[in-house]
PDB file of N, CA and C in Angstrom:
ATOM      1  N   MET A   1     -16.701 -14.163   2.838  1.00  0.00           N
ATOM      2  CA  MET A   1     -15.969 -13.306   4.260  1.00  0.00           C
ATOM      3  C   MET A   1     -16.584 -11.740   4.058  1.00  0.00           C
ATOM      4  N   LYS A   2     -16.848 -11.155   4.906  1.00  0.00           N
ATOM      5  CA  LYS A   2     -17.075  -9.809   4.581  1.00  0.00           C
ATOM      6  C   LYS A   2     -15.306  -8.861   4.951  1.00  0.00           C
ATOM      7  N   PHE A   3     -14.515  -9.435   5.348  1.00  0.00           N
ATOM      8  CA  PHE A   3     -12.775  -8.887   5.888  1.00  0.00           C
ATOM      9  C   PHE A   3     -12.259  -9.814   5.026  1.00  0.00           C
ATOM     10  N   GLU A   4     -12.263 -10.416   3.943  1.00  0.00           N
ATOM     11  CA  GLU A   4     -11.350 -10.506   2.577  1.00  0.00           C
ATOM     12  C   GLU A   4     -10.281  -9.731   2.497  1.00  0.00           C
ATOM     13  N   TYR A   5     -10.858  -8.882   1.726  1.00  0.00           N
ATOM     14  CA  TYR A   5     -10.120  -7.861   1.492  1.00  0.00           C
ATOM     15  C   TYR A   5      -9.361  -7.016   2.127  1.00  0.00           C
ATOM     16  N   PHE A   6      -9.556  -6.624   3.512  1.00  0.00           N
ATOM     17  CA  PHE A   6      -8.900  -6.807   5.039  1.00  0.00           C
ATOM     18  C   PHE A   6      -7.604  -7.088   5.400  1.00  0.00           C
ATOM     19  N   ILE A   7      -8.396  -8.403   5.076  1.00  0.00           N
ATOM     20  CA  ILE A   7      -7.181  -9.267   5.692  1.00  0.00           C
ATOM     21  C   ILE A   7      -6.169  -9.308   4.603  1.00  0.00           C
ATOM     22  N   VAL A   8      -6.280  -9.446   3.712  1.00  0.00           N
ATOM     23  CA  VAL A   8      -5.183  -9.630   2.543  1.00  0.00           C
ATOM     24  C   VAL A   8      -4.542  -8.467   2.812  1.00  0.00           C
ATOM     25  N   LEU A   9      -5.051  -7.156   2.559  1.00  0.00           N
ATOM     26  CA  LEU A   9      -4.274  -5.796   3.372  1.00  0.00           C
ATOM     27  C   LEU A   9      -2.667  -5.568   4.369  1.00  0.00           C
ATOM     28  N   LEU A  10      -3.938  -6.357   5.232  1.00  0.00           N
ATOM     29  CA  LEU A  10      -2.857  -6.706   6.419  1.00  0.00           C
ATOM     30  C   LEU A  10      -1.867  -7.946   6.559  1.00  0.00           C
ATOM     31  N   GLY A  11      -2.149  -9.121   5.359  1.00  0.00           N
ATOM     32  CA  GLY A  11      -1.124  -9.302   5.476  1.00  0.00           C
ATOM     33  C   GLY A  11       0.237  -8.785   4.650  1.00  0.00           C
ATOM     34  N   VAL A  12      -0.300  -8.381   3.748  1.00  0.00           N
ATOM     35  CA  VAL A  12       0.493  -7.099   3.084  1.00  0.00           C
ATOM     36  C   VAL A  12       1.455  -6.411   3.765  1.00  0.00           C
ATOM     37  N   ALA A  13       0.756  -5.633   4.393  1.00  0.00           N
ATOM     38  CA  ALA A  13       1.748  -5.097   5.107  1.00  0.00           C
ATOM     39  C   ALA A  13       2.125  -4.635   6.251  1.00  0.00           C
ATOM     40  N   ALA A  14       2.085  -6.461   7.207  1.00  0.00           N
ATOM     41  CA  ALA A  14       2.406  -6.719   8.611  1.00  0.00           C
ATOM     42  C   ALA A  14       3.906  -6.717   8.150  1.00  0.00           C
ATOM     43  N   VAL A  15       4.542  -7.228   7.821  1.00  0.00           N
ATOM     44  CA  VAL A  15       5.967  -7.781   7.166  1.00  0.00           C
ATOM     45  C   VAL A  15       6.405  -5.836   7.432  1.00  0.00           C
ATOM     46  N   PRO A  16       6.877  -5.390   6.652  1.00  0.00           N
ATOM     47  CA  PRO A  16       7.241  -4.697   6.084  1.00  0.00           C
ATOM     48  C   PRO A  16       6.621  -3.189   6.554  1.00  0.00           C
ATOM     49  N   LEU A  17       5.715  -3.365   7.214  1.00  0.00           N
ATOM     50  CA  LEU A  17       5.363  -2.520   8.526  1.00  0.00           C
ATOM     51  C   LEU A  17       6.068  -2.299   9.730  1.00  0.00           C
ATOM     52  N   ILE A  18       6.455  -3.376  10.067  1.00  0.00           N
ATOM     53  CA  ILE A  18       7.056  -4.264  11.675  1.00  0.00           C
ATOM     54  C   ILE A  18       8.547  -3.851  11.390  1.00  0.00           C
ATOM     55  N   ARG A  19       9.396  -4.529   9.950  1.00  0.00           N
ATOM     56  CA  ARG A  19      10.631  -4.140   9.748  1.00  0.00           C
ATOM     57  C   ARG A  19      11.155  -3.033   9.355  1.00  0.00           C
ATOM     58  N   SER A  20      10.377  -2.220   9.054  1.00  0.00           N
ATOM     59  CA  SER A  20      10.092  -1.003   8.341  1.00  0.00           C
ATOM     60  C   SER A  20      11.257   0.332   9.358  1.00  0.00           C
ATOM     61  N   PHE A  21      11.242  -0.549  11.218  1.00  0.00           N
ATOM     62  CA  PHE A  21      11.675   0.035  11.962  1.00  0.00           C
ATOM     63  C   PHE A  21      13.374  -0.136  11.873  1.00  0.00           C
ATOM     64  N   SER A  22      13.826  -0.842  11.245  1.00  0.00           N
ATOM     65  CA  SER A  22      15.183  -1.805  11.112  1.00  0.00           C
ATOM     66  C   SER A  22      16.377   0.291  10.864  1.00  0.00           C
ATOM     67  N   ARG A  23      17.167  -0.745  12.197  1.00  0.00           N
ATOM     68  CA  ARG A  23      18.141   0.427  11.349  1.00  0.00           C
ATOM     69  C   ARG A  23      19.101   0.342  10.527  1.00  0.00           C
ATOM     70  N   GLU A  24      18.748  -1.241  10.403  1.00  0.00           N
ATOM     71  CA  GLU A  24      19.842  -1.605   9.433  1.00  0.00           C
ATOM     72  C   GLU A  24      19.423  -0.810   7.792  1.00  0.00           C
ATOM     73  N   ILE A  25      17.733  -1.631   7.740  1.00  0.00           N
ATOM     74  CA  ILE A  25      18.036  -1.148   6.593  1.00  0.00           C
ATOM     75  C   ILE A  25      16.953   0.906   6.008  1.00  0.00           C
ATOM     76  N   ASN A  26      16.913   0.990   7.595  1.00  0.00           N
ATOM     77  CA  ASN A  26      16.817   2.481   7.615  1.00  0.00           C
ATOM     78  C   ASN A  26      16.206   2.964   6.130  1.00  0.00           C
ATOM     79  N   PHE A  27      14.869   2.502   6.220  1.00  0.00           N
ATOM     80  CA  PHE A  27      13.886   3.326   5.645  1.00  0.00           C
ATOM     81  C   PHE A  27      13.168   4.288   5.371  1.00  0.00           C
ATOM     82  N   TYR A  28      13.332   5.019   6.371  1.00  0.00           N
ATOM     83  CA  TYR A  28      12.747   6.213   6.282  1.00  0.00           C
ATOM     84  C   TYR A  28      14.072   7.328   6.267  1.00  0.00           C
ATOM     85  N   LYS A  29      15.272   7.037   5.409  1.00  0.00           N
ATOM     86  CA  LYS A  29      16.005   8.348   5.690  1.00  0.00           C
ATOM     87  C   LYS A  29      15.721   8.998   4.709  1.00  0.00           C
ATOM     88  N   ASN A  30      15.049   8.945   3.619  1.00  0.00           N
ATOM     89  CA  ASN A  30      14.391   9.864   3.103  1.00  0.00           C
ATOM     90  C   ASN A  30      12.989  10.388   2.595  1.00  0.00           C
ATOM     91  N   ILE A  31      12.382  10.830   3.815  1.00  0.00           N
ATOM     92  CA  ILE A  31      10.714  10.847   4.254  1.00  0.00           C
ATOM     93  C   ILE A  31       9.961  11.071   2.920  1.00  0.00           C
ATOM     94  N   LYS A  32      10.858  12.539   2.625  1.00  0.00           N
ATOM     95  CA  LYS A  32      10.302  13.461   1.682  1.00  0.00           C
ATOM     96  C   LYS A  32       9.901  11.578   0.264  1.00  0.00           C
ATOM     97  N   ARG A  33      10.963  11.811  -0.397  1.00  0.00           N
ATOM     98  CA  ARG A  33      10.933  10.711  -0.896  1.00  0.00           C
ATOM     99  C   ARG A  33       9.958  10.106  -0.985  1.00  0.00           C
ATOM    100  N   PHE A  34       9.614   9.300  -0.124  1.00  0.00           N
ATOM    101  CA  PHE A  34       8.604   8.147   0.824  1.00  0.00           C
ATOM    102  C   PHE A  34       7.133   8.872   0.105  1.00  0.00           C
ATOM    103  N   LEU A  35       7.068   9.720   0.995  1.00  0.00           N
ATOM    104  CA  LEU A  35       5.585  10.290   0.796  1.00  0.00           C
ATOM    105  C   LEU A  35       5.241  10.745  -0.643  1.00  0.00           C
ATOM    106  N   ALA A  36       6.243  11.310  -1.190  1.00  0.00           N
ATOM    107  CA  ALA A  36       5.958  11.639  -2.771  1.00  0.00           C
ATOM    108  C   ALA A  36       5.247  10.421  -3.048  1.00  0.00           C
ATOM    109  N   SER A  37       6.623   8.941  -3.138  1.00  0.00           N
ATOM    110  CA  SER A  37       6.283   7.793  -3.518  1.00  0.00           C
ATOM    111  C   SER A  37       4.630   7.168  -3.374  1.00  0.00           C
ATOM    112  N   VAL A  38       3.993   7.809  -2.488  1.00  0.00           N
ATOM    113  CA  VAL A  38       3.476   6.723  -1.813  1.00  0.00           C
ATOM    114  C   VAL A  38       2.074   7.316  -1.987  1.00  0.00           C
ATOM    115  N   PHE A  39       1.818   8.818  -1.804  1.00  0.00           N
ATOM    116  CA  PHE A  39       0.855   9.581  -1.919  1.00  0.00           C
ATOM    117  C   PHE A  39       0.849  10.093  -3.322  1.00  0.00           C
ATOM    118  N   ILE A  40       1.141  10.685  -4.125  1.00  0.00           N
ATOM    119  CA  ILE A  40       1.146  10.874  -5.490  1.00  0.00           C
ATOM    120  C   ILE A  40       0.117   9.746  -6.533  1.00  0.00           C
ATOM    121  N   PRO A  41       0.692   8.611  -6.435  1.00  0.00           N
ATOM    122  CA  PRO A  41      -0.084   7.812  -7.232  1.00  0.00           C
ATOM    123  C   PRO A  41      -1.138   7.411  -6.570  1.00  0.00           C
ATOM    124  N   PHE A  42      -1.408   7.165  -4.954  1.00  0.00           N
ATOM    125  CA  PHE A  42      -2.700   7.356  -4.079  1.00  0.00           C
ATOM    126  C   PHE A  42      -3.353   7.883  -4.455  1.00  0.00           C
ATOM    127  N   ALA A  43      -3.079   9.515  -4.826  1.00  0.00           N
ATOM    128  CA  ALA A  43      -4.147  10.407  -5.227  1.00  0.00           C
ATOM    129  C   ALA A  43      -4.502  10.439  -6.397  1.00  0.00           C
ATOM    130  N   VAL A  44      -4.013  10.174  -7.639  1.00  0.00           N
ATOM    131  CA  VAL A  44      -4.492   9.727  -8.889  1.00  0.00           C
ATOM    132  C   VAL A  44      -5.124   8.289  -8.784  1.00  0.00           C
ATOM    133  N   PHE A  45      -4.262   7.398  -8.270  1.00  0.00           N
ATOM    134  CA  PHE A  45      -5.780   5.980  -8.828  1.00  0.00           C
ATOM    135  C   PHE A  45      -7.108   6.337  -7.732  1.00  0.00           C
ATOM    136  N   VAL A  46      -6.723   7.214  -6.177  1.00  0.00           N
ATOM    137  CA  VAL A  46      -8.553   7.158  -6.010  1.00  0.00           C
ATOM    138  C   VAL A  46      -9.164   7.471  -6.815  1.00  0.00           C
ATOM    139  N   ILE A  47      -8.535   9.392  -7.185  1.00  0.00           N
ATOM    140  CA  ILE A  47      -9.485   9.588  -7.962  1.00  0.00           C
ATOM    141  C   ILE A  47      -9.993   8.679  -9.049  1.00  0.00           C
ATOM    142  N   ILE A  48      -9.092   8.124 -10.302  1.00  0.00           N
ATOM    143  CA  ILE A  48      -9.502   6.717 -11.287  1.00  0.00           C
ATOM    144  C   ILE A  48     -10.506   6.328 -10.449  1.00  0.00           C
ATOM    145  N   ASP A  49     -10.680   5.286  -9.365  1.00  0.00           N
ATOM    146  CA  ASP A  49     -10.989   4.707  -9.241  1.00  0.00           C
ATOM    147  C   ASP A  49     -12.446   5.468  -8.251  1.00  0.00           C
ATOM    148  N   ILE A  50     -12.862   6.736  -8.333  1.00  0.00           N
ATOM    149  CA  ILE A  50     -13.856   7.364  -7.587  1.00  0.00           C
ATOM    150  C   ILE A  50     -14.595   7.524  -9.101  1.00  0.00           C
ATOM    151  N   ILE A  51     -14.316   8.032  -9.960  1.00  0.00           N
ATOM    152  CA  ILE A  51     -14.759   8.475 -11.110  1.00  0.00           C
ATOM    153  C   ILE A  51     -15.324   7.103 -12.269  1.00  0.00           C
ATOM    154  N   SER A  52     -14.264   5.713 -12.060  1.00  0.00           N
ATOM    155  CA  SER A  52     -15.237   4.915 -12.594  1.00  0.00           C
ATOM    156  C   SER A  52     -16.074   3.734 -11.367  1.00  0.00           C
ATOM    157  N   VAL A  53     -15.681   4.571 -10.708  1.00  0.00           N
ATOM    158  CA  VAL A  53     -16.992   3.987  -9.742  1.00  0.00           C
ATOM    159  C   VAL A  53     -18.359   4.101 -10.337  1.00  0.00           C
ATOM    160  N   LYS A  54     -18.679   5.203 -10.087  1.00  0.00           N
ATOM    161  CA  LYS A  54     -18.949   6.426 -10.427  1.00  0.00           C
ATOM    162  C   LYS A  54     -19.886   6.161 -12.112  1.00  0.00           C
ATOM    163  N   ARG A  55     -19.008   5.558 -12.983  1.00  0.00           N
ATOM    164  CA  ARG A  55     -19.421   5.779 -14.280  1.00  0.00           C
ATOM    165  C   ARG A  55     -20.049   4.087 -14.492  1.00  0.00           C
ATOM    166  N   GLY A  56     -20.148   3.313 -13.119  1.00  0.00           N
ATOM    167  CA  GLY A  56     -20.344   1.865 -13.184  1.00  0.00           C
ATOM    168  C   GLY A  56     -19.273   1.313 -14.048  1.00  0.00           C
ATOM    169  N   LEU A  57     -18.112   1.732 -14.794  1.00  0.00           N
ATOM    170  CA  LEU A  57     -17.169   1.001 -15.366  1.00  0.00           C
ATOM    171  C   LEU A  57     -16.550  -0.241 -14.454  1.00  0.00           C
ATOM    172  N   TRP A  58     -16.507  -0.366 -12.551  1.00  0.00           N
ATOM    173  CA  TRP A  58     -16.755  -1.432 -12.518  1.00  0.00           C
ATOM    174  C   TRP A  58     -16.449  -1.115 -10.513  1.00  0.00           C
ATOM    175  N   THR A  59     -17.846  -2.418 -10.143  1.00  0.00           N
ATOM    176  CA  THR A  59     -18.241  -2.423  -8.308  1.00  0.00           C
ATOM    177  C   THR A  59     -16.694  -3.230  -7.873  1.00  0.00           C
ATOM    178  N   PHE A  60     -17.624  -3.167  -6.510  1.00  0.00           N
ATOM    179  CA  PHE A  60     -16.935  -4.131  -5.385  1.00  0.00           C
ATOM    180  C   PHE A  60     -17.881  -4.948  -4.649  1.00  0.00           C
ATOM    181  N   ASN A  61     -17.665  -6.005  -5.092  1.00  0.00           N
ATOM    182  CA  ASN A  61     -18.661  -7.193  -4.627  1.00  0.00           C
ATOM    183  C   ASN A  61     -18.493  -6.632  -3.200  1.00  0.00           C
ATOM    184  N   PRO A  62     -20.078  -6.585  -2.256  1.00  0.00           N
ATOM    185  CA  PRO A  62     -20.213  -6.448  -0.657  1.00  0.00           C
ATOM    186  C   PRO A  62     -20.299  -7.489  -0.003  1.00  0.00           C
ATOM    187  N   ASP A  63     -19.739  -9.149  -0.372  1.00  0.00           N
ATOM    188  CA  ASP A  63     -19.238  -9.929   0.747  1.00  0.00           C
ATOM    189  C   ASP A  63     -17.819 -10.126   0.759  1.00  0.00           C
ATOM    190  N   TYR A  64     -17.203  -9.226   0.405  1.00  0.00           N
ATOM    191  CA  TYR A  64     -15.761 -10.029  -0.031  1.00  0.00           C
ATOM    192  C   TYR A  64     -15.190  -8.319   1.360  1.00  0.00           C
ATOM    193  N   VAL A  65     -15.903  -7.254   0.842  1.00  0.00           N
ATOM    194  CA  VAL A  65     -15.797  -6.036   2.147  1.00  0.00           C
ATOM    195  C   VAL A  65     -16.028  -5.527   3.255  1.00  0.00           C
ATOM    196  N   THR A  66     -15.241  -4.185   4.026  1.00  0.00           N
ATOM    197  CA  THR A  66     -16.553  -4.400   5.143  1.00  0.00           C
ATOM    198  C   THR A  66     -17.624  -3.520   5.593  1.00  0.00           C
ATOM    199  N   GLY A  67     -18.161  -2.550   4.257  1.00  0.00           N
ATOM    200  CA  GLY A  67     -19.175  -1.823   4.479  1.00  0.00           C
ATOM    201  C   GLY A  67     -18.777  -0.547   4.510  1.00  0.00           C
ATOM    202  N   ILE A  68     -17.777  -0.439   4.718  1.00  0.00           N
ATOM    203  CA  ILE A  68     -17.187   0.834   5.261  1.00  0.00           C
ATOM    204  C   ILE A  68     -16.476   1.658   4.146  1.00  0.00           C
ATOM    205  N   TYR A  69     -17.193   2.874   3.399  1.00  0.00           N
ATOM    206  CA  TYR A  69     -17.259   3.414   2.209  1.00  0.00           C
ATOM    207  C   TYR A  69     -16.297   5.046   3.409  1.00  0.00           C
ATOM    208  N   LEU A  70     -15.185   5.439   1.337  1.00  0.00           N
ATOM    209  CA  LEU A  70     -14.425   6.284   1.571  1.00  0.00           C
ATOM    210  C   LEU A  70     -14.605   7.099   0.236  1.00  0.00           C
ATOM    211  N   PHE A  71     -15.493   8.428   0.461  1.00  0.00           N
ATOM    212  CA  PHE A  71     -15.409   8.714  -1.080  1.00  0.00           C
ATOM    213  C   PHE A  71     -15.935   8.003  -2.198  1.00  0.00           C
ATOM    214  N   SER A  72     -17.461   7.158  -1.582  1.00  0.00           N
ATOM    215  CA  SER A  72     -18.103   5.543  -2.863  1.00  0.00           C
ATOM    216  C   SER A  72     -16.984   4.876  -2.930  1.00  0.00           C
ATOM    217  N   LEU A  73     -15.931   4.751  -2.717  1.00  0.00           N
ATOM    218  CA  LEU A  73     -14.981   3.152  -2.576  1.00  0.00           C
ATOM    219  C   LEU A  73     -15.027   2.827  -0.889  1.00  0.00           C
ATOM    220  N   PRO A  74     -14.652   1.521  -1.123  1.00  0.00           N
ATOM    221  CA  PRO A  74     -14.426   1.022  -0.086  1.00  0.00           C
ATOM    222  C   PRO A  74     -13.273   0.622   0.823  1.00  0.00           C
ATOM    223  N   VAL A  75     -13.571   1.306   2.124  1.00  0.00           N
ATOM    224  CA  VAL A  75     -11.981   1.168   2.626  1.00  0.00           C
ATOM    225  C   VAL A  75     -10.358   0.539   2.380  1.00  0.00           C
ATOM    226  N   GLU A  76     -11.025  -0.589   1.819  1.00  0.00           N
ATOM    227  CA  GLU A  76      -9.889  -1.081   1.431  1.00  0.00           C
ATOM    228  C   GLU A  76      -9.176  -0.986  -0.116  1.00  0.00           C
ATOM    229  N   GLU A  77     -10.263  -0.808  -0.431  1.00  0.00           N
ATOM    230  CA  GLU A  77      -9.863  -0.189  -1.638  1.00  0.00           C
ATOM    231  C   GLU A  77      -9.103   1.331  -1.563  1.00  0.00           C
ATOM    232  N   VAL A  78      -9.690   1.925  -0.959  1.00  0.00           N
ATOM    233  CA  VAL A  78      -8.640   3.514  -0.754  1.00  0.00           C
ATOM    234  C   VAL A  78      -7.028   3.108  -0.663  1.00  0.00           C
ATOM    235  N   LEU A  79      -7.454   1.770   0.916  1.00  0.00           N
ATOM    236  CA  LEU A  79      -5.989   1.357   1.453  1.00  0.00           C
ATOM    237  C   LEU A  79      -5.036   0.500   1.083  1.00  0.00           C
ATOM    238  N   PHE A  80      -5.505   0.236  -0.039  1.00  0.00           N
ATOM    239  CA  PHE A  80      -4.699  -0.535  -0.844  1.00  0.00           C
ATOM    240  C   PHE A  80      -3.498   0.135  -1.778  1.00  0.00           C
ATOM    241  N   PHE A  81      -4.265   1.586  -2.131  1.00  0.00           N
ATOM    242  CA  PHE A  81      -3.038   2.444  -2.615  1.00  0.00           C
ATOM    243  C   PHE A  81      -2.084   3.122  -2.354  1.00  0.00           C
ATOM    244  N   ALA A  82      -2.274   2.714  -0.995  1.00  0.00           N
ATOM    245  CA  ALA A  82      -1.564   3.055   0.065  1.00  0.00           C
ATOM    246  C   ALA A  82      -0.322   2.036   0.549  1.00  0.00           C
ATOM    247  N   VAL A  83      -1.093   0.741   0.777  1.00  0.00           N
ATOM    248  CA  VAL A  83      -0.234  -0.058   2.141  1.00  0.00           C
ATOM    249  C   VAL A  83       0.607  -1.014   0.047  1.00  0.00           C
ATOM    250  N   ILE A  84      -0.263  -1.274  -0.620  1.00  0.00           N
ATOM    251  CA  ILE A  84       1.156  -1.612  -1.623  1.00  0.00           C
ATOM    252  C   ILE A  84       2.150  -0.540  -2.437  1.00  0.00           C
ATOM    253  N   PRO A  85       1.806   0.357  -2.243  1.00  0.00           N
ATOM    254  CA  PRO A  85       2.774   1.298  -2.881  1.00  0.00           C
ATOM    255  C   PRO A  85       4.046   1.434  -1.151  1.00  0.00           C
ATOM    256  N   PHE A  86       3.655   1.849  -0.432  1.00  0.00           N
ATOM    257  CA  PHE A  86       4.351   1.038   0.365  1.00  0.00           C
ATOM    258  C   PHE A  86       5.148   0.054   1.461  1.00  0.00           C
ATOM    259  N   SER A  87       4.215  -0.895   0.367  1.00  0.00           N
ATOM    260  CA  SER A  87       4.842  -2.184   0.687  1.00  0.00           C
ATOM    261  C   SER A  87       5.746  -2.836  -0.836  1.00  0.00           C
ATOM    262  N   CYS A  88       5.957  -1.727  -1.422  1.00  0.00           N
ATOM    263  CA  CYS A  88       7.137  -2.765  -2.530  1.00  0.00           C
ATOM    264  C   CYS A  88       7.987  -1.585  -2.398  1.00  0.00           C
ATOM    265  N   LEU A  89       7.719  -0.313  -1.917  1.00  0.00           N
ATOM    266  CA  LEU A  89       9.048   0.300  -1.526  1.00  0.00           C
ATOM    267  C   LEU A  89      10.023  -0.140  -0.356  1.00  0.00           C
ATOM    268  N   PHE A  90       9.588  -0.802   0.459  1.00  0.00           N
ATOM    269  CA  PHE A  90      10.247  -1.208   1.353  1.00  0.00           C
ATOM    270  C   PHE A  90      11.371  -2.818   0.911  1.00  0.00           C
ATOM    271  N   LEU A  91       9.962  -3.254   0.053  1.00  0.00           N
ATOM    272  CA  LEU A  91      11.170  -4.043  -0.653  1.00  0.00           C
ATOM    273  C   LEU A  91      12.090  -3.900  -1.240  1.00  0.00           C
ATOM    274  N   TRP A  92      12.030  -2.894  -2.172  1.00  0.00           N
ATOM    275  CA  TRP A  92      13.272  -1.896  -2.771  1.00  0.00           C
ATOM    276  C   TRP A  92      14.094  -1.958  -1.921  1.00  0.00           C
ATOM    277  N   GLU A  93      13.898  -1.133  -1.121  1.00  0.00           N
ATOM    278  CA  GLU A  93      15.002  -0.815   0.132  1.00  0.00           C
ATOM    279  C   GLU A  93      15.522  -2.405   0.998  1.00  0.00           C
ATOM    280  N   THR A  94      14.960  -2.947   1.014  1.00  0.00           N
ATOM    281  CA  THR A  94      15.196  -4.217   1.424  1.00  0.00           C
ATOM    282  C   THR A  94      16.393  -5.032   0.737  1.00  0.00           C
ATOM    283  N   VAL A  95      16.107  -4.536  -0.615  1.00  0.00           N
ATOM    284  CA  VAL A  95      16.564  -5.792  -1.785  1.00  0.00           C
ATOM    285  C   VAL A  95      18.175  -4.776  -1.701  1.00  0.00           C
ATOM    286  N   LYS A  96      18.031  -3.858  -1.663  1.00  0.00           N
ATOM    287  CA  LYS A  96      19.208  -2.254  -1.971  1.00  0.00           C
ATOM    288  C   LYS A  96      20.071  -3.031  -0.643  1.00  0.00           C
ATOM    289  N   TYR A  97      19.689  -2.702   0.637  1.00  0.00           N
ATOM    290  CA  TYR A  97      20.125  -3.196   1.670  1.00  0.00           C
ATOM    291  C   TYR A  97      20.990  -4.566   0.748  1.00  0.00           C
ATOM    292  N   PHE A  98      19.972  -5.468   0.899  1.00  0.00           N
ATOM    293  CA  PHE A  98      20.720  -6.968   0.869  1.00  0.00           C
ATOM    294  C   PHE A  98      22.036  -6.372  -0.275  1.00  0.00           C
ATOM    295  N   GLU A  99      21.766  -6.046  -1.389  1.00  0.00           N
ATOM    296  CA  GLU A  99      23.008  -6.286  -2.148  1.00  0.00           C
ATOM    297  C   GLU A  99      23.550  -5.563  -1.953  1.00  0.00           C
ATOM    298  N   ARG A 100      23.958  -3.814  -0.886  1.00  0.00           N
ATOM    299  CA  ARG A 100      24.856  -3.332  -0.200  1.00  0.00           C
ATOM    300  C   ARG A 100      26.088  -4.271   0.522  1.00  0.00           C
ATOM    301  N   ARG A 101      24.903  -4.748   1.280  1.00  0.00           N
ATOM    302  CA  ARG A 101      25.492  -5.874   2.463  1.00  0.00           C
ATOM    303  C   ARG A 101      26.303  -6.899   1.275  1.00  0.00           C
ATOM    304  N   MET A 102      26.247  -7.423   0.117  1.00  0.00           N
ATOM    305  CA  MET A 102      26.743  -8.552  -0.050  1.00  0.00           C
ATOM    306  C   MET A 102      28.155  -8.201  -0.842  1.00  0.00           C
ATOM    307  N   LYS A 103      27.975  -6.750  -1.498  1.00  0.00           N
ATOM    308  CA  LYS A 103      29.260  -5.964  -2.175  1.00  0.00           C
ATOM    309  C   LYS A 103      30.159  -5.972  -1.037  1.00  0.00           C
ATOM    310  N   ASN A 104      30.038  -5.831   0.335  1.00  0.00           N
ATOM    311  CA  ASN A 104      30.814  -5.503   1.398  1.00  0.00           C
ATOM    312  C   ASN A 104      31.628  -6.370   1.733  1.00  0.00           C
ATOM    313  N   LYS A 105      30.907  -7.606   1.663  1.00  0.00           N
ATOM    314  CA  LYS A 105      31.721  -9.236   2.091  1.00  0.00           C
ATOM    315  C   LYS A 105      32.719  -9.131   1.047  1.00  0.00           C
TER     316      LYS A 105
END
């Protein structure tokens, strides 16, 4: 299935993206910290991936990617390095929110 990797990324990002605008969780209260937490690792890992693919250390099965490439990487791989940190940060902030809420009861 050509869109399998992309569909998995959408699944991982869907709930955090929708719920990240909740006023209760207040996910975007520190936008600079959020951007640094996502884009610094994004840049590092995309560069590592580009080098690794050019050296032939790994490849991507064309049966599972859309065929759209950025920097010699499937678009799904590039998105991976933004979606996963975003989702992890959202999960962390959500856990902290519920922890605070439980302490206040």
